[in-house]
Amino acid sequence: MRRKLKLIGGKKPRMQRAQQRDWTKAKEARFLSALADSCNVTLAAEEAGVSISGAYKRRRENAAFRAGWLEALSVAYQRLELVLLDRAFNGTEKLVKRRDGSEERMLEYSNQLGLTLLKMHRDTAGAAAIEVRPEQVDELRQRLFNKLRRLKARDTIEQAEGA
């Protein structure tokens, strides 16, 4: 199989055979997709088959890749925030063991998580509170729960497809 050529810059531009370790569009897409899924450069580099230092070098030198990197992180943090909102609203299941050996499952709601989310969005929440009329509260609450339900269903489907 014949290797593709690539243009090498510098004082005297020249053509050079592409190396196995070079970035391709497929490697870039795999890297950015894994970065959006995990928010972890090491895991994304491993998934794409590239080095970590190569990923940082490409980010530094390639504006389009840098923009894709930022977009991937933005997507990952939005997903993380939605998961945290779901936990704050719906709680997380906790197994409580009693001294007599019996166990009970209960939902635990993290006050710290709720307070952190409130601090993050204090300005937005304050502006929204001014704009929302009392008769809209139930509708907004229902829309938020519906959105969380859709996101949870989508995550369940994605996990099932990945398994």
N, C-alpha and C. Protein backbone atom coordinates (compact mmCIF):
# COMPACT_ATOMS: atom_id res chain seq x y z
N MET A 1 0.85 -1.18 0.00
CA MET A 1 0.00 0.00 0.00
C MET A 1 0.89 1.23 0.00
N ARG A 2 0.53 2.19 -0.80
CA ARG A 2 1.30 3.41 -0.94
C ARG A 2 0.88 4.45 0.08
N ARG A 3 1.84 5.05 0.75
CA ARG A 3 1.53 6.07 1.75
C ARG A 3 1.25 7.41 1.08
N LYS A 4 0.36 8.17 1.71
CA LYS A 4 0.04 9.49 1.20
C LYS A 4 1.17 10.45 1.50
N LEU A 5 1.24 11.53 0.73
CA LEU A 5 2.24 12.56 0.95
C LEU A 5 1.60 13.71 1.71
N LYS A 6 2.42 14.42 2.47
CA LYS A 6 1.94 15.60 3.17
C LYS A 6 2.94 16.72 2.95
N LEU A 7 2.45 17.95 3.01
CA LEU A 7 3.28 19.13 2.81
C LEU A 7 3.90 19.53 4.14
N ILE A 8 5.22 19.66 4.16
CA ILE A 8 5.96 20.07 5.35
C ILE A 8 6.40 21.51 5.14
N GLY A 9 6.08 22.37 6.12
CA GLY A 9 6.44 23.79 6.01
C GLY A 9 7.87 24.02 6.46
N GLY A 10 8.22 25.28 6.59
CA GLY A 10 9.57 25.66 7.00
C GLY A 10 10.15 26.62 5.98
N LYS A 11 11.46 26.78 5.99
CA LYS A 11 12.10 27.70 5.04
C LYS A 11 11.92 27.23 3.61
N LYS A 12 12.02 25.93 3.42
CA LYS A 12 11.87 25.36 2.07
C LYS A 12 10.81 24.26 2.13
N PRO A 13 9.55 24.59 1.79
CA PRO A 13 8.48 23.58 1.85
C PRO A 13 8.80 22.38 0.96
N ARG A 14 8.40 21.19 1.43
CA ARG A 14 8.65 19.97 0.67
C ARG A 14 7.56 18.95 0.98
N MET A 15 7.50 17.96 0.14
CA MET A 15 6.55 16.87 0.34
C MET A 15 7.26 15.73 1.08
N GLN A 16 6.54 15.09 2.00
CA GLN A 16 7.10 13.99 2.77
C GLN A 16 6.05 12.92 2.93
N ARG A 17 6.48 11.68 3.01
CA ARG A 17 5.53 10.58 3.22
C ARG A 17 4.88 10.72 4.59
N ALA A 18 3.60 10.46 4.63
CA ALA A 18 2.88 10.49 5.91
C ALA A 18 3.33 9.32 6.76
N GLN A 19 3.48 9.55 8.05
CA GLN A 19 3.90 8.52 9.00
C GLN A 19 2.68 7.92 9.69
N GLN A 20 2.84 6.75 10.23
CA GLN A 20 1.76 6.08 10.95
C GLN A 20 1.29 6.91 12.13
N ARG A 21 2.22 7.63 12.78
CA ARG A 21 1.88 8.40 13.98
C ARG A 21 1.25 9.75 13.66
N ASP A 22 1.22 10.14 12.38
CA ASP A 22 0.65 11.44 12.00
C ASP A 22 -0.86 11.47 12.26
N TRP A 23 -1.35 12.68 12.48
CA TRP A 23 -2.78 12.89 12.70
C TRP A 23 -3.53 12.75 11.39
N THR A 24 -4.66 12.09 11.45
CA THR A 24 -5.57 12.01 10.31
C THR A 24 -6.91 12.59 10.76
N LYS A 25 -7.78 12.81 9.81
CA LYS A 25 -9.12 13.31 10.19
C LYS A 25 -9.83 12.30 11.09
N ALA A 26 -9.63 11.02 10.81
CA ALA A 26 -10.28 9.98 11.63
C ALA A 26 -9.72 10.00 13.06
N LYS A 27 -8.40 10.13 13.21
CA LYS A 27 -7.80 10.18 14.54
C LYS A 27 -8.28 11.42 15.29
N GLU A 28 -8.34 12.53 14.58
CA GLU A 28 -8.80 13.77 15.20
C GLU A 28 -10.25 13.62 15.67
N ALA A 29 -11.09 13.04 14.83
CA ALA A 29 -12.50 12.86 15.20
C ALA A 29 -12.63 11.92 16.40
N ARG A 30 -11.85 10.82 16.42
CA ARG A 30 -11.90 9.90 17.57
C ARG A 30 -11.43 10.59 18.84
N PHE A 31 -10.35 11.38 18.72
CA PHE A 31 -9.83 12.08 19.89
C PHE A 31 -10.87 13.04 20.45
N LEU A 32 -11.45 13.88 19.58
CA LEU A 32 -12.41 14.88 20.05
C LEU A 32 -13.68 14.23 20.59
N SER A 33 -14.10 13.13 19.99
CA SER A 33 -15.28 12.42 20.48
C SER A 33 -15.01 11.84 21.87
N ALA A 34 -13.85 11.23 22.04
CA ALA A 34 -13.50 10.66 23.34
C ALA A 34 -13.31 11.75 24.39
N LEU A 35 -12.77 12.90 23.97
CA LEU A 35 -12.60 14.02 24.90
C LEU A 35 -13.96 14.55 25.35
N ALA A 36 -14.91 14.62 24.43
CA ALA A 36 -16.26 15.07 24.78
C ALA A 36 -16.95 14.07 25.71
N ASP A 37 -16.64 12.79 25.56
CA ASP A 37 -17.24 11.77 26.42
C ASP A 37 -16.63 11.73 27.81
N SER A 38 -15.31 11.97 27.89
CA SER A 38 -14.62 11.74 29.16
C SER A 38 -14.04 12.97 29.83
N CYS A 39 -13.81 14.04 29.07
CA CYS A 39 -13.13 15.22 29.61
C CYS A 39 -11.70 14.87 30.05
N ASN A 40 -11.13 13.81 29.49
CA ASN A 40 -9.84 13.31 29.91
C ASN A 40 -8.93 13.18 28.68
N VAL A 41 -7.89 14.01 28.63
CA VAL A 41 -6.98 14.03 27.48
C VAL A 41 -6.24 12.70 27.34
N THR A 42 -5.83 12.13 28.46
CA THR A 42 -5.10 10.86 28.41
C THR A 42 -5.94 9.76 27.79
N LEU A 43 -7.20 9.63 28.24
CA LEU A 43 -8.08 8.61 27.68
C LEU A 43 -8.39 8.90 26.21
N ALA A 44 -8.59 10.17 25.87
CA ALA A 44 -8.89 10.53 24.48
C ALA A 44 -7.71 10.21 23.57
N ALA A 45 -6.49 10.49 24.03
CA ALA A 45 -5.29 10.20 23.23
C ALA A 45 -5.15 8.69 23.04
N GLU A 46 -5.39 7.94 24.09
CA GLU A 46 -5.31 6.48 24.01
C GLU A 46 -6.34 5.95 23.02
N GLU A 47 -7.56 6.47 23.10
CA GLU A 47 -8.64 6.05 22.20
C GLU A 47 -8.30 6.32 20.73
N ALA A 48 -7.65 7.47 20.47
CA ALA A 48 -7.34 7.87 19.09
C ALA A 48 -6.02 7.27 18.60
N GLY A 49 -5.24 6.71 19.52
CA GLY A 49 -3.95 6.14 19.13
C GLY A 49 -2.89 7.19 18.87
N VAL A 50 -2.94 8.27 19.66
CA VAL A 50 -1.95 9.35 19.52
C VAL A 50 -1.32 9.60 20.88
N SER A 51 -0.21 10.33 20.87
CA SER A 51 0.44 10.63 22.14
C SER A 51 -0.22 11.84 22.80
N ILE A 52 -0.10 11.92 24.11
CA ILE A 52 -0.65 13.05 24.85
C ILE A 52 0.07 14.33 24.45
N SER A 53 1.39 14.26 24.37
CA SER A 53 2.16 15.45 23.99
C SER A 53 1.83 15.88 22.57
N GLY A 54 1.56 14.90 21.70
CA GLY A 54 1.17 15.21 20.33
C GLY A 54 -0.18 15.93 20.28
N ALA A 55 -1.08 15.53 21.17
CA ALA A 55 -2.39 16.18 21.22
C ALA A 55 -2.25 17.64 21.66
N TYR A 56 -1.44 17.87 22.70
CA TYR A 56 -1.23 19.24 23.17
C TYR A 56 -0.50 20.08 22.12
N LYS A 57 0.45 19.47 21.43
CA LYS A 57 1.18 20.19 20.37
C LYS A 57 0.21 20.57 19.24
N ARG A 58 -0.65 19.63 18.86
CA ARG A 58 -1.62 19.91 17.80
C ARG A 58 -2.58 21.02 18.23
N ARG A 59 -2.99 21.00 19.48
CA ARG A 59 -3.87 22.06 19.99
C ARG A 59 -3.19 23.43 19.91
N ARG A 60 -1.92 23.44 20.25
CA ARG A 60 -1.15 24.69 20.24
C ARG A 60 -0.96 25.23 18.81
N GLU A 61 -0.78 24.33 17.84
CA GLU A 61 -0.41 24.74 16.48
C GLU A 61 -1.56 24.78 15.49
N ASN A 62 -2.70 24.17 15.80
CA ASN A 62 -3.78 24.05 14.83
C ASN A 62 -5.05 24.70 15.40
N ALA A 63 -5.44 25.84 14.83
CA ALA A 63 -6.57 26.60 15.35
C ALA A 63 -7.89 25.83 15.24
N ALA A 64 -8.10 25.10 14.16
CA ALA A 64 -9.34 24.34 13.99
C ALA A 64 -9.43 23.23 15.04
N PHE A 65 -8.30 22.57 15.30
CA PHE A 65 -8.28 21.52 16.31
C PHE A 65 -8.50 22.12 17.69
N ARG A 66 -7.90 23.27 17.95
CA ARG A 66 -8.08 23.96 19.23
C ARG A 66 -9.56 24.29 19.45
N ALA A 67 -10.22 24.77 18.39
CA ALA A 67 -11.65 25.09 18.50
C ALA A 67 -12.47 23.82 18.76
N GLY A 68 -12.11 22.72 18.09
CA GLY A 68 -12.79 21.45 18.32
C GLY A 68 -12.58 20.95 19.74
N TRP A 69 -11.38 21.15 20.26
CA TRP A 69 -11.04 20.76 21.64
C TRP A 69 -11.93 21.52 22.62
N LEU A 70 -12.03 22.83 22.43
CA LEU A 70 -12.86 23.64 23.32
C LEU A 70 -14.33 23.24 23.23
N GLU A 71 -14.79 22.95 22.03
CA GLU A 71 -16.18 22.52 21.85
C GLU A 71 -16.42 21.18 22.54
N ALA A 72 -15.47 20.26 22.42
CA ALA A 72 -15.60 18.95 23.07
C ALA A 72 -15.67 19.11 24.59
N LEU A 73 -14.83 19.97 25.16
CA LEU A 73 -14.87 20.20 26.60
C LEU A 73 -16.19 20.85 27.02
N SER A 74 -16.67 21.76 26.19
CA SER A 74 -17.94 22.42 26.48
C SER A 74 -19.08 21.39 26.52
N VAL A 75 -19.10 20.50 25.56
CA VAL A 75 -20.13 19.45 25.52
C VAL A 75 -20.02 18.56 26.76
N ALA A 76 -18.80 18.19 27.11
CA ALA A 76 -18.59 17.31 28.27
C ALA A 76 -19.06 17.98 29.56
N TYR A 77 -18.74 19.26 29.72
CA TYR A 77 -19.15 19.94 30.95
C TYR A 77 -20.66 20.18 30.99
N GLN A 78 -21.28 20.39 29.83
CA GLN A 78 -22.74 20.51 29.81
C GLN A 78 -23.39 19.19 30.23
N ARG A 79 -22.86 18.08 29.73
CA ARG A 79 -23.38 16.76 30.13
C ARG A 79 -23.19 16.54 31.62
N LEU A 80 -22.01 16.91 32.12
CA LEU A 80 -21.73 16.75 33.55
C LEU A 80 -22.70 17.57 34.38
N GLU A 81 -22.95 18.80 33.95
CA GLU A 81 -23.87 19.65 34.69
C GLU A 81 -25.28 19.06 34.71
N LEU A 82 -25.71 18.48 33.59
CA LEU A 82 -27.04 17.87 33.55
C LEU A 82 -27.12 16.66 34.48
N VAL A 83 -26.04 15.87 34.54
CA VAL A 83 -26.02 14.73 35.45
C VAL A 83 -26.10 15.22 36.89
N LEU A 84 -25.35 16.27 37.21
CA LEU A 84 -25.38 16.81 38.57
C LEU A 84 -26.75 17.39 38.91
N LEU A 85 -27.38 18.06 37.94
CA LEU A 85 -28.73 18.57 38.17
C LEU A 85 -29.70 17.42 38.44
N ASP A 86 -29.56 16.36 37.67
CA ASP A 86 -30.42 15.20 37.87
C ASP A 86 -30.22 14.63 39.27
N ARG A 87 -28.98 14.53 39.72
CA ARG A 87 -28.71 14.02 41.07
C ARG A 87 -29.26 14.95 42.14
N ALA A 88 -29.13 16.25 41.91
CA ALA A 88 -29.64 17.21 42.90
C ALA A 88 -31.16 17.13 43.01
N PHE A 89 -31.85 16.98 41.87
CA PHE A 89 -33.31 16.93 41.88
C PHE A 89 -33.85 15.57 42.29
N ASN A 90 -33.24 14.50 41.78
CA ASN A 90 -33.79 13.16 41.97
C ASN A 90 -33.06 12.34 43.02
N GLY A 91 -31.93 12.81 43.50
CA GLY A 91 -31.16 12.09 44.52
C GLY A 91 -30.40 10.92 43.93
N THR A 92 -29.59 10.30 44.78
CA THR A 92 -28.86 9.10 44.41
C THR A 92 -29.20 8.01 45.40
N GLU A 93 -29.25 6.79 44.89
CA GLU A 93 -29.61 5.68 45.75
C GLU A 93 -28.45 5.34 46.68
N LYS A 94 -28.79 5.10 47.93
CA LYS A 94 -27.79 4.79 48.94
C LYS A 94 -28.26 3.57 49.71
N LEU A 95 -27.33 2.65 49.98
CA LEU A 95 -27.63 1.46 50.75
C LEU A 95 -27.26 1.73 52.20
N VAL A 96 -28.23 1.63 53.08
CA VAL A 96 -28.00 1.89 54.51
C VAL A 96 -28.04 0.54 55.22
N LYS A 97 -26.95 0.22 55.93
CA LYS A 97 -26.88 -1.03 56.70
C LYS A 97 -27.11 -0.70 58.17
N ARG A 98 -28.00 -1.46 58.76
CA ARG A 98 -28.32 -1.24 60.17
C ARG A 98 -27.48 -2.17 61.05
N ARG A 99 -27.46 -1.88 62.33
CA ARG A 99 -26.70 -2.70 63.27
C ARG A 99 -27.21 -4.14 63.33
N ASP A 100 -28.52 -4.29 63.11
CA ASP A 100 -29.09 -5.64 63.18
C ASP A 100 -28.82 -6.46 61.92
N GLY A 101 -28.09 -5.87 60.95
CA GLY A 101 -27.73 -6.58 59.73
C GLY A 101 -28.68 -6.34 58.58
N SER A 102 -29.81 -5.72 58.83
CA SER A 102 -30.75 -5.45 57.74
C SER A 102 -30.24 -4.28 56.90
N GLU A 103 -30.74 -4.23 55.69
CA GLU A 103 -30.35 -3.17 54.76
C GLU A 103 -31.58 -2.48 54.21
N GLU A 104 -31.41 -1.23 53.88
CA GLU A 104 -32.51 -0.47 53.28
C GLU A 104 -31.92 0.46 52.23
N ARG A 105 -32.60 0.57 51.12
CA ARG A 105 -32.18 1.51 50.07
C ARG A 105 -32.99 2.78 50.23
N MET A 106 -32.29 3.90 50.11
CA MET A 106 -32.98 5.18 50.22
C MET A 106 -32.34 6.17 49.27
N LEU A 107 -33.06 7.24 48.99
CA LEU A 107 -32.52 8.29 48.13
C LEU A 107 -31.83 9.33 49.00
N GLU A 108 -30.66 9.75 48.57
CA GLU A 108 -29.89 10.76 49.29
C GLU A 108 -29.78 11.99 48.40
N TYR A 109 -30.04 13.14 48.95
CA TYR A 109 -29.96 14.40 48.23
C TYR A 109 -28.80 15.20 48.81
N SER A 110 -27.86 15.58 47.98
CA SER A 110 -26.68 16.28 48.44
C SER A 110 -26.94 17.78 48.53
N ASN A 111 -26.95 18.32 49.75
CA ASN A 111 -27.10 19.76 49.92
C ASN A 111 -25.92 20.50 49.31
N GLN A 112 -24.71 19.95 49.46
CA GLN A 112 -23.52 20.60 48.93
C GLN A 112 -23.59 20.73 47.41
N LEU A 113 -24.04 19.68 46.75
CA LEU A 113 -24.19 19.72 45.30
C LEU A 113 -25.20 20.79 44.89
N GLY A 114 -26.32 20.83 45.55
CA GLY A 114 -27.34 21.84 45.25
C GLY A 114 -26.81 23.25 45.47
N LEU A 115 -26.11 23.47 46.56
CA LEU A 115 -25.55 24.80 46.84
C LEU A 115 -24.50 25.20 45.81
N THR A 116 -23.67 24.26 45.41
CA THR A 116 -22.65 24.54 44.40
C THR A 116 -23.30 24.93 43.08
N LEU A 117 -24.33 24.20 42.68
CA LEU A 117 -25.03 24.53 41.44
C LEU A 117 -25.70 25.90 41.53
N LEU A 118 -26.26 26.21 42.68
CA LEU A 118 -26.87 27.53 42.87
C LEU A 118 -25.83 28.64 42.76
N LYS A 119 -24.67 28.44 43.37
CA LYS A 119 -23.61 29.45 43.28
C LYS A 119 -23.17 29.65 41.84
N MET A 120 -23.06 28.54 41.09
CA MET A 120 -22.62 28.63 39.70
C MET A 120 -23.58 29.45 38.86
N HIS A 121 -24.84 29.39 39.19
CA HIS A 121 -25.86 30.02 38.35
C HIS A 121 -26.66 31.09 39.10
N ARG A 122 -26.03 31.69 40.08
CA ARG A 122 -26.71 32.69 40.91
C ARG A 122 -27.29 33.83 40.05
N ASP A 123 -26.48 34.37 39.14
CA ASP A 123 -26.95 35.49 38.32
C ASP A 123 -28.08 35.06 37.39
N THR A 124 -27.92 33.93 36.75
CA THR A 124 -28.95 33.43 35.84
C THR A 124 -30.23 33.14 36.60
N ALA A 125 -30.09 32.48 37.74
CA ALA A 125 -31.27 32.13 38.54
C ALA A 125 -31.97 33.39 39.04
N GLY A 126 -31.18 34.40 39.45
CA GLY A 126 -31.76 35.65 39.92
C GLY A 126 -32.53 36.35 38.82
N ALA A 127 -31.97 36.39 37.61
CA ALA A 127 -32.65 37.02 36.48
C ALA A 127 -33.90 36.25 36.11
N ALA A 128 -33.80 34.91 36.16
CA ALA A 128 -34.96 34.09 35.81
C ALA A 128 -36.08 34.27 36.82
N ALA A 129 -35.73 34.42 38.09
CA ALA A 129 -36.76 34.58 39.13
C ALA A 129 -37.55 35.86 38.92
N ILE A 130 -36.90 36.88 38.42
CA ILE A 130 -37.57 38.16 38.17
C ILE A 130 -38.52 38.04 36.98
N GLU A 131 -38.11 37.29 35.96
CA GLU A 131 -38.88 37.20 34.72
C GLU A 131 -40.02 36.20 34.79
N VAL A 132 -39.97 35.23 35.69
CA VAL A 132 -40.98 34.17 35.75
C VAL A 132 -42.14 34.60 36.62
N ARG A 133 -43.32 34.48 36.06
CA ARG A 133 -44.53 34.77 36.82
C ARG A 133 -44.92 33.54 37.61
N PRO A 134 -45.59 33.71 38.73
CA PRO A 134 -45.95 32.56 39.58
C PRO A 134 -46.72 31.47 38.84
N GLU A 135 -47.57 31.85 37.91
CA GLU A 135 -48.36 30.85 37.20
C GLU A 135 -47.50 30.02 36.23
N GLN A 136 -46.27 30.46 35.96
CA GLN A 136 -45.38 29.72 35.05
C GLN A 136 -44.51 28.69 35.77
N VAL A 137 -44.44 28.74 37.07
CA VAL A 137 -43.52 27.89 37.83
C VAL A 137 -43.80 26.41 37.58
N ASP A 138 -45.06 25.99 37.65
CA ASP A 138 -45.38 24.58 37.45
C ASP A 138 -45.02 24.13 36.04
N GLU A 139 -45.31 24.98 35.06
CA GLU A 139 -44.98 24.64 33.68
C GLU A 139 -43.46 24.50 33.51
N LEU A 140 -42.69 25.43 34.05
CA LEU A 140 -41.23 25.37 33.95
C LEU A 140 -40.67 24.15 34.66
N ARG A 141 -41.21 23.84 35.81
CA ARG A 141 -40.76 22.66 36.56
C ARG A 141 -41.02 21.40 35.73
N GLN A 142 -42.20 21.31 35.13
CA GLN A 142 -42.54 20.13 34.32
C GLN A 142 -41.63 20.03 33.10
N ARG A 143 -41.34 21.17 32.47
CA ARG A 143 -40.43 21.15 31.31
C ARG A 143 -39.05 20.68 31.70
N LEU A 144 -38.57 21.12 32.86
CA LEU A 144 -37.25 20.70 33.33
C LEU A 144 -37.23 19.21 33.63
N PHE A 145 -38.25 18.69 34.32
CA PHE A 145 -38.30 17.27 34.61
C PHE A 145 -38.39 16.45 33.32
N ASN A 146 -39.18 16.93 32.34
CA ASN A 146 -39.28 16.23 31.06
C ASN A 146 -37.92 16.19 30.35
N LYS A 147 -37.20 17.30 30.39
CA LYS A 147 -35.88 17.35 29.76
C LYS A 147 -34.92 16.38 30.46
N LEU A 148 -34.93 16.35 31.78
CA LEU A 148 -34.08 15.42 32.52
C LEU A 148 -34.45 13.97 32.20
N ARG A 149 -35.74 13.69 32.09
CA ARG A 149 -36.19 12.34 31.75
C ARG A 149 -35.69 11.94 30.37
N ARG A 150 -35.77 12.87 29.38
CA ARG A 150 -35.28 12.58 28.03
C ARG A 150 -33.78 12.31 28.04
N LEU A 151 -33.03 13.14 28.79
CA LEU A 151 -31.59 12.96 28.86
C LEU A 151 -31.22 11.63 29.51
N LYS A 152 -31.94 11.27 30.54
CA LYS A 152 -31.69 10.00 31.23
C LYS A 152 -31.99 8.84 30.29
N ALA A 153 -33.06 8.94 29.53
CA ALA A 153 -33.41 7.88 28.57
C ALA A 153 -32.34 7.78 27.48
N ARG A 154 -31.85 8.93 27.02
CA ARG A 154 -30.80 8.93 25.99
C ARG A 154 -29.52 8.30 26.53
N ASP A 155 -29.15 8.62 27.76
CA ASP A 155 -27.97 8.02 28.36
C ASP A 155 -28.13 6.51 28.51
N THR A 156 -29.34 6.06 28.89
CA THR A 156 -29.61 4.64 29.03
C THR A 156 -29.45 3.93 27.69
N ILE A 157 -29.94 4.54 26.63
CA ILE A 157 -29.83 3.97 25.28
C ILE A 157 -28.36 3.91 24.86
N GLU A 158 -27.62 5.01 25.10
CA GLU A 158 -26.21 5.04 24.73
C GLU A 158 -25.42 3.99 25.49
N GLN A 159 -25.74 3.78 26.77
CA GLN A 159 -25.04 2.78 27.56
C GLN A 159 -25.38 1.37 27.05
N ALA A 160 -26.62 1.16 26.68
CA ALA A 160 -27.04 -0.15 26.16
C ALA A 160 -26.35 -0.45 24.84
N GLU A 161 -26.22 0.57 23.99
CA GLU A 161 -25.55 0.39 22.70
C GLU A 161 -24.06 0.15 22.88
N GLY A 162 -23.48 0.76 23.90
CA GLY A 162 -22.05 0.61 24.15
C GLY A 162 -21.71 -0.72 24.78
N ALA A 163 -22.69 -1.37 25.40
CA ALA A 163 -22.42 -2.64 26.11
C ALA A 163 -22.36 -3.81 25.17
